[in-house]
Amino acid sequence: MNKKSIDILAITETWLDNSWTDNELVITGYNLFCRDRKTAQGGGIIVYTHNSLSAERRSDLESEQIEQISIEFPMCSDTTILSLSSP
């Protein structure tokens, strides 16, 4: 049986808030990037990237008006993943 792993997993509408710690959300073998909705109930985004991928959060590409997480993959020239959730 072939074993396959997920490289990037993005989840929207997490409903997480600051009562959750990163330790409660960790998946072994993955980097965690998260953004909670601050203005209302609901929303929120989590992105997991496999540890084999070099990934950096690009907060400079994010906006307070749009619920989003921007992640750049330096090993892949000009590759940026953007996860959005519409409030």
N, C-alpha and C. Protein backbone atom coordinates (compact mmCIF):
# COMPACT_ATOMS: atom_id res chain seq x y z
N MET A 1 0.84 -1.17 0.00
CA MET A 1 0.00 0.00 0.00
C MET A 1 0.89 1.24 0.00
N ASN A 2 0.59 2.18 -0.89
CA ASN A 2 1.35 3.42 -0.95
C ASN A 2 0.88 4.39 0.13
N LYS A 3 1.84 4.98 0.80
CA LYS A 3 1.52 5.95 1.84
C LYS A 3 1.77 7.35 1.28
N LYS A 4 0.76 8.19 1.32
CA LYS A 4 0.89 9.54 0.79
C LYS A 4 0.70 10.53 1.94
N SER A 5 1.42 11.64 1.85
CA SER A 5 1.27 12.67 2.88
C SER A 5 0.75 13.94 2.22
N ILE A 6 0.20 14.77 3.02
CA ILE A 6 -0.30 16.06 2.56
C ILE A 6 0.82 17.07 2.71
N ASP A 7 1.08 17.85 1.67
CA ASP A 7 2.12 18.88 1.73
C ASP A 7 1.60 20.17 2.34
N ILE A 8 0.40 20.58 1.94
CA ILE A 8 -0.19 21.83 2.44
C ILE A 8 -1.66 21.58 2.74
N LEU A 9 -2.08 21.97 3.93
CA LEU A 9 -3.47 21.82 4.33
C LEU A 9 -3.96 23.17 4.83
N ALA A 10 -4.98 23.73 4.19
CA ALA A 10 -5.57 25.00 4.61
C ALA A 10 -6.99 24.76 5.07
N ILE A 11 -7.31 25.30 6.25
CA ILE A 11 -8.64 25.13 6.82
C ILE A 11 -9.20 26.52 7.15
N THR A 12 -10.40 26.80 6.66
CA THR A 12 -11.05 28.07 6.98
C THR A 12 -12.23 27.81 7.91
N GLU A 13 -12.77 28.88 8.46
CA GLU A 13 -13.88 28.79 9.41
C GLU A 13 -13.53 27.91 10.60
N THR A 14 -12.36 28.14 11.19
CA THR A 14 -11.90 27.34 12.33
C THR A 14 -12.63 27.68 13.62
N TRP A 15 -13.14 28.89 13.72
CA TRP A 15 -13.82 29.39 14.92
C TRP A 15 -12.89 29.44 16.12
N LEU A 16 -11.59 29.47 15.88
CA LEU A 16 -10.64 29.54 16.98
C LEU A 16 -10.49 30.98 17.45
N ASP A 17 -10.16 31.14 18.72
CA ASP A 17 -9.89 32.46 19.28
C ASP A 17 -8.64 32.35 20.15
N ASN A 18 -8.31 33.42 20.87
CA ASN A 18 -7.06 33.42 21.63
C ASN A 18 -7.08 32.51 22.86
N SER A 19 -8.18 31.81 23.10
CA SER A 19 -8.21 30.84 24.20
C SER A 19 -7.50 29.54 23.82
N TRP A 20 -7.21 29.35 22.54
CA TRP A 20 -6.49 28.16 22.06
C TRP A 20 -5.00 28.47 21.98
N THR A 21 -4.17 27.53 22.41
CA THR A 21 -2.72 27.71 22.27
C THR A 21 -2.24 26.96 21.03
N ASP A 22 -1.08 27.37 20.52
CA ASP A 22 -0.50 26.67 19.37
C ASP A 22 -0.26 25.20 19.68
N ASN A 23 0.11 24.90 20.92
CA ASN A 23 0.37 23.50 21.30
C ASN A 23 -0.86 22.61 21.14
N GLU A 24 -2.04 23.18 21.27
CA GLU A 24 -3.27 22.41 21.11
C GLU A 24 -3.59 22.15 19.64
N LEU A 25 -2.95 22.89 18.75
CA LEU A 25 -3.26 22.80 17.32
C LEU A 25 -2.18 22.10 16.50
N VAL A 26 -1.06 21.79 17.13
CA VAL A 26 0.08 21.20 16.42
C VAL A 26 -0.26 19.83 15.86
N ILE A 27 0.21 19.61 14.64
CA ILE A 27 0.19 18.27 14.02
C ILE A 27 1.65 17.90 13.81
N THR A 28 2.07 16.79 14.38
CA THR A 28 3.46 16.37 14.27
C THR A 28 3.88 16.26 12.81
N GLY A 29 5.03 16.87 12.48
CA GLY A 29 5.55 16.82 11.12
C GLY A 29 5.13 18.00 10.27
N TYR A 30 4.38 18.95 10.86
CA TYR A 30 3.88 20.09 10.11
C TYR A 30 4.16 21.41 10.83
N ASN A 31 4.36 22.46 10.04
CA ASN A 31 4.45 23.82 10.56
C ASN A 31 3.04 24.38 10.64
N LEU A 32 2.79 25.19 11.63
CA LEU A 32 1.46 25.75 11.86
C LEU A 32 1.48 27.26 11.62
N PHE A 33 0.53 27.73 10.83
CA PHE A 33 0.30 29.15 10.62
C PHE A 33 -1.18 29.39 10.89
N CYS A 34 -1.51 30.33 11.76
CA CYS A 34 -2.93 30.54 12.04
C CYS A 34 -3.25 32.01 12.20
N ARG A 35 -4.51 32.30 11.94
CA ARG A 35 -5.03 33.66 12.11
C ARG A 35 -6.47 33.54 12.60
N ASP A 36 -6.71 34.12 13.75
CA ASP A 36 -8.05 34.11 14.33
C ASP A 36 -8.82 35.34 13.88
N ARG A 37 -10.13 35.22 13.79
CA ARG A 37 -10.95 36.40 13.53
C ARG A 37 -11.09 37.15 14.84
N LYS A 38 -10.82 38.46 14.80
CA LYS A 38 -10.81 39.26 16.02
C LYS A 38 -12.09 40.06 16.23
N THR A 39 -12.85 40.29 15.18
CA THR A 39 -13.98 41.22 15.27
C THR A 39 -15.33 40.57 15.48
N ALA A 40 -15.46 39.28 15.25
CA ALA A 40 -16.77 38.63 15.37
C ALA A 40 -16.56 37.14 15.62
N GLN A 41 -17.64 36.46 15.95
CA GLN A 41 -17.59 35.02 16.16
C GLN A 41 -17.43 34.33 14.81
N GLY A 42 -16.77 33.19 14.83
CA GLY A 42 -16.59 32.42 13.60
C GLY A 42 -15.30 32.79 12.91
N GLY A 43 -15.20 32.41 11.66
CA GLY A 43 -14.03 32.73 10.85
C GLY A 43 -12.78 32.02 11.34
N GLY A 44 -11.65 32.56 10.95
CA GLY A 44 -10.35 32.00 11.31
C GLY A 44 -9.80 31.09 10.25
N ILE A 45 -8.46 31.06 10.17
CA ILE A 45 -7.76 30.26 9.17
C ILE A 45 -6.59 29.56 9.83
N ILE A 46 -6.35 28.32 9.44
CA ILE A 46 -5.13 27.59 9.81
C ILE A 46 -4.55 27.02 8.52
N VAL A 47 -3.23 27.13 8.39
CA VAL A 47 -2.52 26.48 7.29
C VAL A 47 -1.41 25.64 7.90
N TYR A 48 -1.35 24.38 7.50
CA TYR A 48 -0.28 23.48 7.90
C TYR A 48 0.58 23.23 6.67
N THR A 49 1.90 23.31 6.82
CA THR A 49 2.83 22.96 5.74
C THR A 49 3.75 21.85 6.24
N HIS A 50 3.98 20.87 5.40
CA HIS A 50 4.84 19.74 5.78
C HIS A 50 6.23 20.26 6.12
N ASN A 51 6.86 19.66 7.15
CA ASN A 51 8.19 20.09 7.59
C ASN A 51 9.26 20.00 6.50
N SER A 52 9.02 19.19 5.47
CA SER A 52 9.99 19.07 4.39
C SER A 52 9.99 20.30 3.48
N LEU A 53 8.97 21.16 3.63
CA LEU A 53 8.89 22.38 2.83
C LEU A 53 9.40 23.56 3.63
N SER A 54 10.22 24.37 3.01
CA SER A 54 10.66 25.62 3.63
C SER A 54 9.56 26.64 3.40
N ALA A 55 8.92 27.08 4.48
CA ALA A 55 7.77 27.99 4.36
C ALA A 55 7.95 29.16 5.32
N GLU A 56 7.62 30.36 4.85
CA GLU A 56 7.72 31.56 5.67
C GLU A 56 6.42 32.36 5.56
N ARG A 57 5.91 32.79 6.69
CA ARG A 57 4.72 33.64 6.69
C ARG A 57 5.09 35.01 6.17
N ARG A 58 4.25 35.57 5.29
CA ARG A 58 4.48 36.90 4.73
C ARG A 58 3.39 37.84 5.23
N SER A 59 3.51 38.25 6.48
CA SER A 59 2.53 39.16 7.08
C SER A 59 2.47 40.48 6.34
N ASP A 60 3.57 40.86 5.68
CA ASP A 60 3.59 42.12 4.93
C ASP A 60 2.64 42.10 3.73
N LEU A 61 2.21 40.92 3.31
CA LEU A 61 1.26 40.81 2.20
C LEU A 61 -0.19 40.70 2.68
N GLU A 62 -0.37 40.67 4.00
CA GLU A 62 -1.70 40.48 4.57
C GLU A 62 -2.33 41.82 4.90
N SER A 63 -3.64 41.83 4.95
CA SER A 63 -4.42 43.03 5.20
C SER A 63 -5.33 42.81 6.41
N GLU A 64 -5.56 43.85 7.17
CA GLU A 64 -6.50 43.76 8.29
C GLU A 64 -7.94 43.70 7.80
N GLN A 65 -8.20 44.14 6.57
CA GLN A 65 -9.55 44.16 6.02
C GLN A 65 -9.97 42.81 5.43
N ILE A 66 -9.01 41.95 5.16
CA ILE A 66 -9.29 40.64 4.56
C ILE A 66 -8.72 39.56 5.47
N GLU A 67 -9.51 38.56 5.78
CA GLU A 67 -9.03 37.45 6.60
C GLU A 67 -8.21 36.54 5.70
N GLN A 68 -6.90 36.55 5.90
CA GLN A 68 -6.02 35.81 5.02
C GLN A 68 -4.72 35.43 5.72
N ILE A 69 -4.04 34.42 5.17
CA ILE A 69 -2.69 34.05 5.55
C ILE A 69 -1.90 33.93 4.25
N SER A 70 -0.74 34.59 4.20
CA SER A 70 0.14 34.51 3.04
C SER A 70 1.40 33.75 3.44
N ILE A 71 1.74 32.73 2.69
CA ILE A 71 2.91 31.91 2.97
C ILE A 71 3.75 31.80 1.70
N GLU A 72 5.05 32.09 1.86
CA GLU A 72 5.97 32.02 0.74
C GLU A 72 6.84 30.78 0.87
N PHE A 73 7.16 30.18 -0.25
CA PHE A 73 8.01 29.00 -0.30
C PHE A 73 9.29 29.38 -1.05
N PRO A 74 10.34 29.80 -0.32
CA PRO A 74 11.56 30.31 -0.96
C PRO A 74 12.22 29.33 -1.92
N MET A 75 12.08 28.03 -1.67
CA MET A 75 12.72 27.05 -2.55
C MET A 75 12.05 26.98 -3.91
N CYS A 76 10.81 27.45 -3.99
CA CYS A 76 10.08 27.49 -5.26
C CYS A 76 10.01 28.95 -5.69
N SER A 77 10.77 29.30 -6.64
CA SER A 77 10.86 30.69 -7.07
C SER A 77 9.49 31.31 -7.33
N ASP A 78 9.25 32.44 -6.68
CA ASP A 78 8.03 33.21 -6.86
C ASP A 78 6.75 32.44 -6.52
N THR A 79 6.79 31.56 -5.55
CA THR A 79 5.61 30.82 -5.16
C THR A 79 5.11 31.29 -3.80
N THR A 80 3.88 31.78 -3.79
CA THR A 80 3.25 32.21 -2.55
C THR A 80 1.85 31.62 -2.51
N ILE A 81 1.49 31.05 -1.38
CA ILE A 81 0.15 30.49 -1.19
C ILE A 81 -0.64 31.48 -0.35
N LEU A 82 -1.85 31.74 -0.75
CA LEU A 82 -2.71 32.66 -0.05
C LEU A 82 -3.99 31.92 0.32
N SER A 83 -4.32 31.90 1.61
CA SER A 83 -5.57 31.30 2.07
C SER A 83 -6.48 32.41 2.54
N LEU A 84 -7.69 32.48 1.98
CA LEU A 84 -8.63 33.55 2.29
C LEU A 84 -9.92 33.00 2.86
N SER A 85 -10.54 33.80 3.71
CA SER A 85 -11.86 33.50 4.22
C SER A 85 -12.66 34.78 4.15
N SER A 86 -13.81 34.73 3.54
CA SER A 86 -14.63 35.94 3.39
C SER A 86 -15.51 36.12 4.61
N PRO A 87 -15.33 37.26 5.32
CA PRO A 87 -16.16 37.49 6.52
C PRO A 87 -17.63 37.70 6.19
